[in-house]
Amino acid sequence: METTGQMSEDLWPEAFSDVLGDLAEASDGPHGVDVSWAWIGLSCSAGSDCPSHLCVAYADHAICTVDCLETANCPLGWICVRGQMDDAYCLPEP
């Protein structure tokens, strides 16, 4: 099943496959909450720590995120922010 905002299983690091494996099947969690973005915002120290392989500095630490073209590509409560090298990624709204 391919849906926008969901990563294919072959891109997930092994450490995430047990935890996130079922998300490829269904994105609705308890009470109808979309859990396909559940890993976004987790602390990381390198891209290999994140399913998206994108770990960026945020506030006083680093978080897992995804690249984007516009805010509509980001989870609710996050915005698309342009970086210094013509890249853009989702960060929490200020």
Protein backbone atom coordinates (compact mmCIF):
# COMPACT_ATOMS: atom_id res chain seq x y z
CA MET A 1 0.00 0.00 0.00
CA GLU A 2 1.53 3.34 -1.01
CA THR A 3 0.25 6.49 0.65
CA THR A 4 1.64 10.00 0.89
CA GLY A 5 3.74 10.51 3.99
CA GLN A 6 4.37 6.80 4.58
CA MET A 7 7.80 5.35 3.93
CA SER A 8 8.24 2.02 2.19
CA GLU A 9 9.43 -0.75 4.49
CA ASP A 10 12.74 -1.15 2.63
CA LEU A 11 13.82 2.36 3.76
CA TRP A 12 13.31 1.72 7.47
CA PRO A 13 16.38 0.91 9.55
CA GLU A 14 16.15 -2.54 11.18
CA ALA A 15 15.73 -0.99 14.64
CA PHE A 16 12.42 0.52 13.56
CA SER A 17 11.02 -2.45 11.66
CA ASP A 18 9.60 -4.21 14.74
CA VAL A 19 8.04 -1.05 16.13
CA LEU A 20 6.81 0.49 12.90
CA GLY A 21 6.28 -2.59 10.72
CA ASP A 22 2.53 -2.66 11.23
CA LEU A 23 2.22 0.98 10.15
CA ALA A 24 2.71 -0.01 6.52
CA GLU A 25 -0.50 -2.01 6.82
CA ALA A 26 -2.63 0.62 8.56
CA SER A 27 -2.04 4.18 9.67
CA ASP A 28 -4.98 4.48 12.05
CA GLY A 29 -4.07 3.99 15.68
CA PRO A 30 -6.31 3.99 18.73
CA HIS A 31 -9.28 6.39 18.46
CA GLY A 32 -8.61 6.93 14.73
CA VAL A 33 -5.35 8.85 15.32
CA ASP A 34 -2.93 8.68 12.39
CA VAL A 35 0.23 7.03 13.76
CA SER A 36 2.21 6.87 10.51
CA TRP A 37 4.14 9.96 11.70
CA ALA A 38 4.75 8.56 15.21
CA TRP A 39 8.56 8.61 14.84
CA ILE A 40 8.76 12.25 13.69
CA GLY A 41 10.30 14.41 16.42
CA LEU A 42 12.11 11.58 18.18
CA SER A 43 15.62 12.48 19.39
CA CYS A 44 18.46 11.34 17.15
CA SER A 45 22.20 11.71 16.78
CA ALA A 46 22.56 10.68 13.12
CA GLY A 47 20.38 10.09 10.07
CA SER A 48 20.66 6.35 10.57
CA ASP A 49 18.60 6.77 13.77
CA CYS A 50 15.56 7.86 11.73
CA PRO A 51 13.27 6.00 9.28
CA SER A 52 13.67 8.95 6.89
CA HIS A 53 17.46 9.07 7.41
CA LEU A 54 17.03 12.78 8.20
CA CYS A 55 18.21 14.00 11.62
CA VAL A 56 18.27 17.81 11.99
CA ALA A 57 19.23 20.26 14.73
CA TYR A 58 16.22 21.68 16.54
CA ALA A 59 16.37 23.86 19.67
CA ASP A 60 19.07 22.30 21.88
CA HIS A 61 18.99 18.77 20.40
CA ALA A 62 18.39 16.94 17.11
CA ILE A 63 15.17 15.29 15.90
CA CYS A 64 14.03 12.90 13.19
CA THR A 65 12.08 14.59 10.42
CA VAL A 66 11.26 14.40 6.70
CA ASP A 67 11.99 16.62 3.74
CA CYS A 68 9.18 18.67 2.24
CA LEU A 69 8.18 21.01 -0.54
CA GLU A 70 5.50 22.82 1.44
CA THR A 71 3.80 22.68 4.85
CA ALA A 72 1.05 20.46 3.44
CA ASN A 73 3.71 17.70 3.21
CA CYS A 74 4.28 17.84 6.99
CA PRO A 75 2.27 16.30 9.84
CA LEU A 76 -0.28 18.43 11.66
CA GLY A 77 1.45 20.98 13.91
CA TRP A 78 4.61 21.01 11.81
CA ILE A 79 5.75 23.45 9.09
CA CYS A 80 8.07 23.17 6.10
CA VAL A 81 11.26 25.18 6.77
CA ARG A 82 13.85 25.99 4.10
CA GLY A 83 17.44 25.18 5.08
CA GLN A 84 20.67 26.87 4.07
CA MET A 85 21.52 24.58 1.15
CA ASP A 86 18.25 24.73 -0.82
CA ASP A 87 16.81 21.88 1.23
CA ALA A 88 13.60 21.97 3.26
CA TYR A 89 12.30 19.82 6.09
CA CYS A 90 9.42 19.65 8.52
CA LEU A 91 9.87 21.20 11.98
CA PRO A 92 7.40 21.77 14.83
CA GLU A 93 5.46 25.02 14.58
CA PRO A 94 6.95 27.72 16.87
